């Protein structure tokens, strides 16, 4: 074997691509990949698409992916380009991409293998555009394949029903969390809100700025927001939800818990001291509460979410609830079998209906679904709404972050 052939052999066996080293075992997102796809021919591109999950021999699946392509183009125009986004890039989508009728060619563009595409400035410009559009298409594909989406309204109702049952107003109009009759432990509230359903564009945008770029990892499609008078009141909300088993600690997603409202260690230390003094009868109820309010102060930490303001003060956590949905197909098929047995029908049709085995059909669909709870004190809520951590600032930062991730070198070149 010649030295040249040996080099080629070794390269084919040991040239580990960035896909292997950075993405599969390195934990990097494909959205952040710096290299394109090495798909040189239409056959390779079609094989990649089929392995991804789409069968282009099926015209419905091919049309679906082309629909995702056009939706991706519209999304990029709206959020990442001027004039629709005044802070967007001053560039236009290349005509060669707009005129594509076979999405497999987009994959070839991403690897510098589109017919006539050279290794020059224009060739790399086209490559960068192809990569950007493919990132958005990938995100849209994951949204459309989330099996739980059709059940969202029922999911939302089952989750929120637990909370609506313990939210009341007393005879003076005071909103509170507790038993309807007001007896026992209750927490006065400034506000209680539930989050409206996220728009499709909002979900795409959120996924594009997250390293975990899959629809299952959006945890706040269902969201609940409490506002209390004080940080201590916020803690009392969490305590009530736990004590009443509305929130189950085993179903908390640990990595999603955030607390920028209360210094837990300082609070815990002072609480134990006050409880010991209360046991000895050395402190009154009012003194106990006053001193506990004083120690319930914010920790000196910055936000873990890079798009949140350092002034964002809240308790935030994600809970998973077991959702149970009746499968309408099971009941319909059962009724069909009963009707077929009790009414005269063609023998062949009856035979086909009798072959339907209901044991292979779930009577009930069950799965865990995440939702997010945020608890603010009044001061923090007002600051978050109108001040330096306003939601509009958060969304603007989110768009800019997603734009930089998706557009890559195009974003740098247009500045």
Protein backbone atom coordinates (compact mmCIF):
# COMPACT_ATOMS: atom_id res chain seq x y z
CA UNK A 1 0.00 0.00 0.00
CA UNK A 2 1.40 3.38 -0.98
CA UNK A 3 1.80 6.15 1.57
CA UNK A 4 -1.03 8.04 -0.12
CA UNK A 5 -3.35 5.04 0.02
CA UNK A 6 -2.37 4.41 3.63
CA UNK A 7 -3.20 8.00 4.50
CA UNK A 8 -6.58 7.69 2.85
CA UNK A 9 -7.29 4.43 4.65
CA UNK A 10 -6.35 5.85 8.02
CA UNK A 11 -8.40 8.97 7.39
CA UNK A 12 -11.52 6.96 6.56
CA UNK A 13 -11.10 4.88 9.72
CA UNK A 14 -9.97 7.49 12.23
CA UNK A 15 -11.07 10.92 11.07
CA UNK A 16 -13.67 11.36 13.81
CA UNK A 17 -16.07 14.08 12.72
CA UNK A 18 -17.34 16.96 14.81
CA UNK A 19 -20.69 15.14 14.94
CA UNK A 20 -19.05 12.34 16.91
CA UNK A 21 -16.68 14.30 19.14
CA UNK A 22 -18.71 17.44 19.82
CA UNK A 23 -22.36 16.42 19.55
CA UNK A 24 -22.82 12.69 20.23
CA UNK A 25 -20.32 12.42 23.09
CA UNK A 26 -19.49 16.07 23.79
CA UNK A 27 -22.94 17.34 24.70
CA UNK A 28 -23.00 20.15 22.17
CA UNK A 29 -26.23 20.98 20.37
CA UNK A 30 -26.51 20.50 16.62
CA UNK A 31 -27.81 24.06 16.50
CA UNK A 32 -24.35 25.23 17.60
CA UNK A 33 -22.43 23.05 15.15
CA UNK A 34 -19.78 24.96 13.24
CA UNK A 35 -19.49 22.52 10.34
CA UNK A 36 -22.03 21.63 7.69
CA UNK A 37 -23.34 18.25 6.63
CA UNK A 38 -21.04 16.31 4.32
CA UNK A 39 -23.73 15.13 1.92
CA UNK A 40 -22.28 15.22 -1.57
CA UNK A 41 -25.03 13.67 -3.67
CA UNK A 42 -28.81 13.63 -3.77
CA UNK A 43 -28.67 9.95 -2.85
CA UNK A 44 -26.72 10.75 0.32
CA UNK A 45 -29.06 13.61 1.16
CA UNK A 46 -32.14 11.43 0.67
CA UNK A 47 -30.58 8.69 2.79
CA UNK A 48 -29.93 11.22 5.56
CA UNK A 49 -33.54 12.45 5.39
CA UNK A 50 -34.87 8.89 5.52
CA UNK A 51 -32.66 8.02 8.50
CA UNK A 52 -33.87 11.18 10.22
CA UNK A 53 -37.37 9.77 9.88
CA UNK A 54 -38.97 11.11 6.70
CA UNK A 55 -39.76 8.80 3.80
CA UNK A 56 -39.71 10.77 0.55
CA UNK A 57 -41.40 7.88 -1.25
CA UNK A 58 -44.45 8.92 0.75
CA UNK A 59 -45.81 12.11 -0.89
CA UNK A 60 -47.51 13.19 2.34
CA UNK A 61 -44.25 13.12 4.30
CA UNK A 62 -42.40 14.88 1.50
CA UNK A 63 -45.04 17.62 1.38
CA UNK A 64 -44.90 17.94 5.17
CA UNK A 65 -41.17 18.56 5.13
CA UNK A 66 -41.52 21.11 2.32
CA UNK A 67 -44.17 22.81 4.43
CA UNK A 68 -41.67 22.96 7.30
CA UNK A 69 -39.16 24.48 4.88
CA UNK A 70 -41.51 27.31 3.92
CA UNK A 71 -42.51 27.89 7.54
CA UNK A 72 -38.82 28.14 8.44
CA UNK A 73 -38.28 30.78 5.73
CA UNK A 74 -41.18 32.85 7.07
CA UNK A 75 -39.96 32.47 10.65
CA UNK A 76 -36.45 33.66 9.78
CA UNK A 77 -37.86 36.68 7.93
CA UNK A 78 -40.11 37.65 10.83
CA UNK A 79 -37.71 37.27 13.74
CA UNK A 80 -34.18 37.54 12.38
CA UNK A 81 -34.28 39.91 9.40
CA UNK A 82 -35.06 43.54 8.83
CA UNK A 83 -37.50 45.18 8.30
CA UNK A 84 -39.85 42.87 10.26
CA UNK A 85 -37.41 42.87 13.17
CA UNK A 86 -35.78 46.33 13.41
CA UNK A 87 -32.89 44.74 15.33
CA UNK A 88 -32.54 41.96 12.78
CA UNK A 89 -29.94 41.40 10.10
CA UNK A 90 -29.76 43.55 6.97
CA UNK A 91 -29.60 40.60 4.58
CA UNK A 92 -32.00 38.74 2.32
CA UNK A 93 -32.56 35.03 1.87
CA UNK A 94 -30.72 33.97 -1.32
CA UNK A 95 -32.91 33.39 -4.34
CA UNK A 96 -31.38 29.94 -4.88
CA UNK A 97 -32.83 28.86 -1.54
CA UNK A 98 -36.20 30.49 -2.13
CA UNK A 99 -36.55 28.70 -5.47
CA UNK A 100 -35.74 25.20 -4.18
CA UNK A 101 -38.34 22.56 -4.99
CA UNK A 102 -36.40 19.61 -3.53
CA UNK A 103 -35.37 20.02 0.09
CA UNK A 104 -32.63 17.43 -0.37
CA UNK A 105 -30.74 20.11 -2.30
CA UNK A 106 -30.71 22.26 0.84
CA UNK A 107 -28.68 19.56 2.57
CA UNK A 108 -26.18 19.57 -0.29
CA UNK A 109 -25.87 23.35 0.01
CA UNK A 110 -25.05 22.92 3.70
CA UNK A 111 -22.04 20.81 2.71
CA UNK A 112 -20.84 22.95 -0.22
CA UNK A 113 -21.96 20.30 -2.70
CA UNK A 114 -24.83 22.02 -4.48
CA UNK A 115 -24.30 22.14 -8.27
CA UNK A 116 -22.19 25.17 -9.15
CA UNK A 117 -21.43 25.98 -5.49
CA UNK A 118 -17.75 26.75 -5.03
CA UNK A 119 -15.43 27.05 -2.06
CA UNK A 120 -15.51 30.81 -2.37
CA UNK A 121 -17.23 33.64 -0.51
CA UNK A 122 -20.53 33.13 -2.32
CA UNK A 123 -20.38 29.38 -1.81
CA UNK A 124 -19.86 29.71 1.93
CA UNK A 125 -22.56 32.37 2.10
CA UNK A 126 -25.02 29.91 0.55
CA UNK A 127 -23.80 27.18 2.92
CA UNK A 128 -24.39 29.37 5.98
CA UNK A 129 -27.90 30.18 4.81
CA UNK A 130 -28.71 26.52 4.20
CA UNK A 131 -27.46 25.58 7.67
CA UNK A 132 -29.55 28.33 9.27
CA UNK A 133 -32.75 27.25 7.53
CA UNK A 134 -32.12 23.59 8.37
CA UNK A 135 -31.79 24.45 12.07
CA UNK A 136 -35.25 25.98 12.05
CA UNK A 137 -36.72 23.09 10.03
CA UNK A 138 -35.28 20.65 12.58
CA UNK A 139 -36.95 22.58 15.40
CA UNK A 140 -40.32 22.69 13.65
CA UNK A 141 -40.16 18.95 12.99
CA UNK A 142 -39.78 18.25 16.71
CA UNK A 143 -42.72 20.48 17.59
CA UNK A 144 -45.00 18.73 15.11
CA UNK A 145 -44.07 15.29 16.43
CA UNK A 146 -44.87 15.94 20.09
CA UNK A 147 -47.65 13.39 20.66
CA UNK A 148 -49.01 15.31 23.66
CA UNK A 149 -49.86 18.50 21.76
CA UNK A 150 -53.38 17.45 20.61
CA UNK A 151 -54.34 16.89 24.24
CA UNK A 152 -53.15 20.27 25.52
CA UNK A 153 -56.51 21.70 26.60
CA UNK A 154 -57.39 18.57 28.58
CA UNK A 155 -53.89 18.50 30.10
CA UNK A 156 -54.18 22.15 31.10
CA UNK A 157 -57.60 21.57 32.67
CA UNK A 158 -56.42 18.61 34.77
CA UNK A 159 -53.41 20.52 36.09
CA UNK A 160 -55.14 23.81 36.82
CA UNK A 161 -58.17 22.15 38.42
CA UNK A 162 -56.05 21.27 41.46
CA UNK A 163 -55.25 24.94 42.00
CA UNK A 164 -58.62 26.48 41.22
CA UNK A 165 -60.10 24.38 44.03
CA UNK A 166 -57.97 26.15 46.65
CA UNK A 167 -58.08 29.74 45.33
CA UNK A 168 -60.87 31.82 46.91
CA UNK A 169 -61.95 35.30 48.00
CA UNK A 170 -63.25 36.06 51.46
CA UNK A 171 -66.21 38.33 52.26
CA UNK A 172 -63.90 41.35 52.11
CA UNK A 173 -62.71 40.47 48.63
CA UNK A 174 -59.27 39.29 49.77
CA UNK A 175 -57.81 36.67 47.46
CA UNK A 176 -56.30 33.75 49.35
CA UNK A 177 -54.92 30.24 49.04
CA UNK A 178 -56.59 27.78 51.39
CA UNK A 179 -59.86 26.11 52.32
CA UNK A 180 -63.00 27.77 50.98
CA UNK A 181 -64.40 28.44 54.46
CA UNK A 182 -61.18 30.24 55.41
CA UNK A 183 -60.49 27.99 58.37
CA UNK A 184 -57.07 26.55 59.00
CA UNK A 185 -53.87 27.56 57.24
CA UNK A 186 -54.34 30.17 54.53
CA UNK A 187 -52.07 32.48 52.56
CA UNK A 188 -53.29 35.89 51.43
CA UNK A 189 -52.48 36.60 47.80
CA UNK A 190 -51.97 39.75 45.78
CA UNK A 191 -52.57 37.85 42.54
CA UNK A 192 -53.04 34.40 41.06
CA UNK A 193 -52.57 33.93 37.32
CA UNK A 194 -52.34 31.11 34.83
CA UNK A 195 -50.28 31.36 31.68
CA UNK A 196 -52.08 31.32 28.32
CA UNK A 197 -51.08 28.71 25.78
CA UNK A 198 -47.79 29.52 24.05
CA UNK A 199 -48.03 30.39 20.38
CA UNK A 200 -46.31 28.14 17.86
CA UNK A 201 -43.78 30.86 17.03
CA UNK A 202 -43.03 31.36 20.72
CA UNK A 203 -42.30 27.64 21.11
CA UNK A 204 -40.01 27.63 18.06
CA UNK A 205 -38.16 30.66 19.40
CA UNK A 206 -37.76 29.13 22.83
CA UNK A 207 -36.40 25.89 21.41
CA UNK A 208 -33.95 27.71 19.15
CA UNK A 209 -32.28 29.45 22.07
CA UNK A 210 -32.14 26.29 24.23
CA UNK A 211 -29.27 23.78 23.93
CA UNK A 212 -31.84 21.00 24.45
CA UNK A 213 -33.58 21.59 21.14
CA UNK A 214 -36.54 19.21 21.49
CA UNK A 215 -40.20 19.97 22.16
CA UNK A 216 -40.40 17.64 25.17
CA UNK A 217 -38.07 20.00 27.03
CA UNK A 218 -40.42 22.98 27.13
CA UNK A 219 -41.58 22.95 30.72
CA UNK A 220 -43.79 26.02 30.92
CA UNK A 221 -46.51 25.40 28.35
CA UNK A 222 -48.71 25.28 31.45
CA UNK A 223 -47.71 27.96 33.92
CA UNK A 224 -49.03 29.20 37.27
CA UNK A 225 -48.08 32.44 39.00
CA UNK A 226 -48.65 33.44 42.64
CA UNK A 227 -47.94 36.89 44.07
CA UNK A 228 -47.86 37.43 47.84
CA UNK A 229 -47.25 40.49 49.99
CA UNK A 230 -43.86 39.33 51.25
CA UNK A 231 -41.12 36.76 50.61
CA UNK A 232 -42.30 34.85 53.68
CA UNK A 233 -45.74 34.66 52.10
CA UNK A 234 -44.14 33.15 48.99
CA UNK A 235 -42.59 30.40 51.10
CA UNK A 236 -45.95 29.82 52.77
CA UNK A 237 -47.49 29.26 49.32
CA UNK A 238 -44.96 26.53 48.59
CA UNK A 239 -45.55 24.99 52.02
CA UNK A 240 -49.32 24.93 51.51
CA UNK A 241 -49.04 23.33 48.07
CA UNK A 242 -46.76 20.66 49.48
CA UNK A 243 -48.80 20.05 52.66
CA UNK A 244 -52.02 19.65 50.67
CA UNK A 245 -50.24 17.35 48.19
CA UNK A 246 -51.13 19.62 45.30
CA UNK A 247 -47.42 19.65 44.50
CA UNK A 248 -45.64 16.34 45.04
CA UNK A 249 -41.91 16.69 45.88
CA UNK A 250 -41.01 13.37 44.15
CA UNK A 251 -42.38 14.85 40.92
CA UNK A 252 -40.24 17.99 41.05
CA UNK A 253 -37.64 18.29 38.30
CA UNK A 254 -34.56 19.26 40.37
CA UNK A 255 -32.62 21.00 37.61
CA UNK A 256 -35.53 23.37 37.02
CA UNK A 257 -35.82 24.73 40.58
CA UNK A 258 -34.70 28.37 40.96
CA UNK A 259 -34.77 30.59 44.02
CA UNK A 260 -33.63 34.19 43.87
CA UNK A 261 -36.14 35.40 46.46
CA UNK A 262 -34.92 33.99 49.79
CA UNK A 263 -31.52 33.11 51.23
CA UNK A 264 -32.47 29.59 52.29
CA UNK A 265 -29.51 28.88 54.58
CA UNK A 266 -29.89 32.13 56.53
CA UNK A 267 -33.64 31.56 56.73
CA UNK A 268 -33.28 27.94 57.86
CA UNK A 269 -30.78 28.86 60.58
CA UNK A 270 -32.94 31.64 62.00
CA UNK A 271 -36.09 29.55 61.74
CA UNK A 272 -34.63 26.77 63.89
CA UNK A 273 -33.57 29.29 66.53
CA UNK A 274 -37.01 30.91 66.59
CA UNK A 275 -38.77 27.54 66.82
CA UNK A 276 -36.65 26.59 69.83
CA UNK A 277 -37.48 29.90 71.50
CA UNK A 278 -41.17 29.35 70.74
CA UNK A 279 -40.99 25.88 72.32
CA UNK A 280 -39.62 27.49 75.49
CA UNK A 281 -42.34 30.15 75.46
CA UNK A 282 -39.82 32.96 75.00
CA UNK A 283 -41.45 34.58 71.98
CA UNK A 284 -44.96 35.59 70.95
CA UNK A 285 -46.70 34.76 67.68
CA UNK A 286 -46.32 38.35 66.44
CA UNK A 287 -42.63 38.52 67.39
CA UNK A 288 -41.99 35.16 65.73
CA UNK A 289 -43.58 36.25 62.46
CA UNK A 290 -41.92 39.67 62.50
CA UNK A 291 -38.44 38.23 62.96
CA UNK A 292 -39.04 35.56 60.34
CA UNK A 293 -40.16 38.24 57.87
CA UNK A 294 -36.93 40.14 58.57
CA UNK A 295 -34.70 37.19 57.74
CA UNK A 296 -36.60 36.25 54.58
CA UNK A 297 -34.30 38.25 52.31
CA UNK A 298 -32.94 37.62 48.83
CA UNK A 299 -29.63 35.78 48.35
CA UNK A 300 -26.71 37.54 46.71
CA UNK A 301 -26.70 35.57 43.46
CA UNK A 302 -27.11 36.35 39.79
CA UNK A 303 -29.70 34.77 37.49
CA UNK A 304 -28.95 31.32 36.08
CA UNK A 305 -31.01 32.07 33.00
CA UNK A 306 -28.82 34.31 30.79
CA UNK A 307 -31.92 36.09 29.49
CA UNK A 308 -33.25 36.97 32.95
CA UNK A 309 -32.36 40.19 34.70
CA UNK A 310 -30.17 40.14 37.79
CA UNK A 311 -33.10 41.89 39.47
CA UNK A 312 -35.49 39.01 38.82
CA UNK A 313 -36.66 37.81 42.25
CA UNK A 314 -38.85 34.73 42.46
CA UNK A 315 -39.22 31.13 43.51
CA UNK A 316 -39.65 28.98 40.43
CA UNK A 317 -39.94 25.23 40.02
CA UNK A 318 -41.23 22.61 37.61
CA UNK A 319 -43.63 19.85 38.64
CA UNK A 320 -44.74 16.80 36.68
CA UNK A 321 -48.31 15.57 36.99
CA UNK A 322 -49.68 12.24 35.83
CA UNK A 323 -52.29 13.02 33.19
CA UNK A 324 -55.07 10.54 32.46
CA UNK A 325 -57.00 10.82 29.21
CA UNK A 326 -59.84 8.62 28.06
CA UNK A 327 -59.12 7.07 24.69
CA UNK A 328 -62.25 7.78 22.59
CA UNK A 329 -61.24 5.15 20.04
CA UNK A 330 -61.60 2.39 22.63
CA UNK A 331 -65.19 3.32 23.49
CA UNK A 332 -66.15 3.78 19.83
CA UNK A 333 -64.77 0.39 18.81
CA UNK A 334 -66.41 -1.31 21.75
CA UNK A 335 -69.76 0.20 20.77
CA UNK A 336 -69.19 -0.84 17.15
CA UNK A 337 -68.61 -4.45 18.19
CA UNK A 338 -71.75 -4.42 20.35
CA UNK A 339 -73.86 -2.96 17.55
CA UNK A 340 -72.49 -5.46 15.04
CA UNK A 341 -73.48 -8.36 17.26
CA UNK A 342 -76.99 -7.11 17.93
CA UNK A 343 -77.89 -5.91 14.42
CA UNK A 344 -77.97 -7.84 11.14
CA UNK A 345 -74.98 -6.92 8.95
CA UNK A 346 -73.05 -8.61 6.15
CA UNK A 347 -71.23 -11.72 7.40
CA UNK A 348 -67.85 -10.62 6.03
CA UNK A 349 -68.17 -7.23 7.71
CA UNK A 350 -69.13 -8.86 11.00
CA UNK A 351 -66.11 -11.12 10.74
CA UNK A 352 -63.82 -8.13 10.22
CA UNK A 353 -65.30 -6.29 13.19
CA UNK A 354 -64.97 -9.33 15.43
CA UNK A 355 -61.27 -9.50 14.57
CA UNK A 356 -60.71 -6.15 16.29
CA UNK A 357 -58.94 -7.01 19.55
CA UNK A 358 -59.60 -4.35 22.18
CA UNK A 359 -56.84 -5.73 24.40
CA UNK A 360 -54.33 -4.03 22.08
CA UNK A 361 -55.99 -0.63 22.48
CA UNK A 362 -55.44 1.48 25.57
CA UNK A 363 -58.63 2.33 27.41
CA UNK A 364 -56.80 5.25 29.00
CA UNK A 365 -53.77 7.26 27.86
CA UNK A 366 -51.48 8.20 30.76
CA UNK A 367 -48.27 10.20 30.88
CA UNK A 368 -46.45 12.71 33.08
CA UNK A 369 -46.62 16.32 31.93
CA UNK A 370 -44.52 19.20 33.29
CA UNK A 371 -45.80 22.58 34.38
CA UNK A 372 -44.10 25.57 35.96
CA UNK A 373 -44.94 27.46 39.15
CA UNK A 374 -43.59 30.93 39.87
CA UNK A 375 -44.04 32.65 43.23
CA UNK A 376 -43.25 36.35 43.69
CA UNK A 377 -43.62 38.84 46.47
CA UNK A 378 -45.40 42.09 45.58
CA UNK A 379 -42.23 44.15 45.30
CA UNK A 380 -40.52 41.59 43.09
CA UNK A 381 -43.57 41.21 40.86
CA UNK A 382 -43.83 44.96 40.33
CA UNK A 383 -40.12 45.22 39.60
CA UNK A 384 -40.27 42.33 37.16
CA UNK A 385 -43.24 43.83 35.33
CA UNK A 386 -42.19 47.43 34.91
CA UNK A 387 -38.51 47.61 35.69
CA UNK A 388 -35.20 46.32 34.57
CA UNK A 389 -36.36 42.73 34.22
CA UNK A 390 -39.48 43.44 32.15
CA UNK A 391 -40.76 40.56 30.04
CA UNK A 392 -40.25 42.56 26.85
CA UNK A 393 -36.54 42.83 27.66
CA UNK A 394 -36.43 39.08 28.27
CA UNK A 395 -38.09 38.33 24.93
CA UNK A 396 -35.80 40.74 23.10
CA UNK A 397 -32.74 39.05 24.58
CA UNK A 398 -34.21 35.66 23.70
CA UNK A 399 -34.71 36.68 20.05
CA UNK A 400 -31.17 38.05 19.79
CA UNK A 401 -29.74 34.89 21.35
CA UNK A 402 -31.71 32.64 19.00
CA UNK A 403 -30.72 34.80 16.03
CA UNK A 404 -27.04 34.49 16.87
CA UNK A 405 -27.29 30.71 17.31
CA UNK A 406 -29.29 30.12 14.14
CA UNK A 407 -27.69 32.62 11.80
CA UNK A 408 -24.11 32.02 12.97
CA UNK A 409 -21.59 33.62 10.63
CA UNK A 410 -24.35 35.47 8.79
CA UNK A 411 -25.04 37.46 11.96
CA UNK A 412 -21.39 38.46 12.31
CA UNK A 413 -20.98 39.31 8.64
CA UNK A 414 -24.01 41.62 8.51
CA UNK A 415 -22.96 43.77 11.46
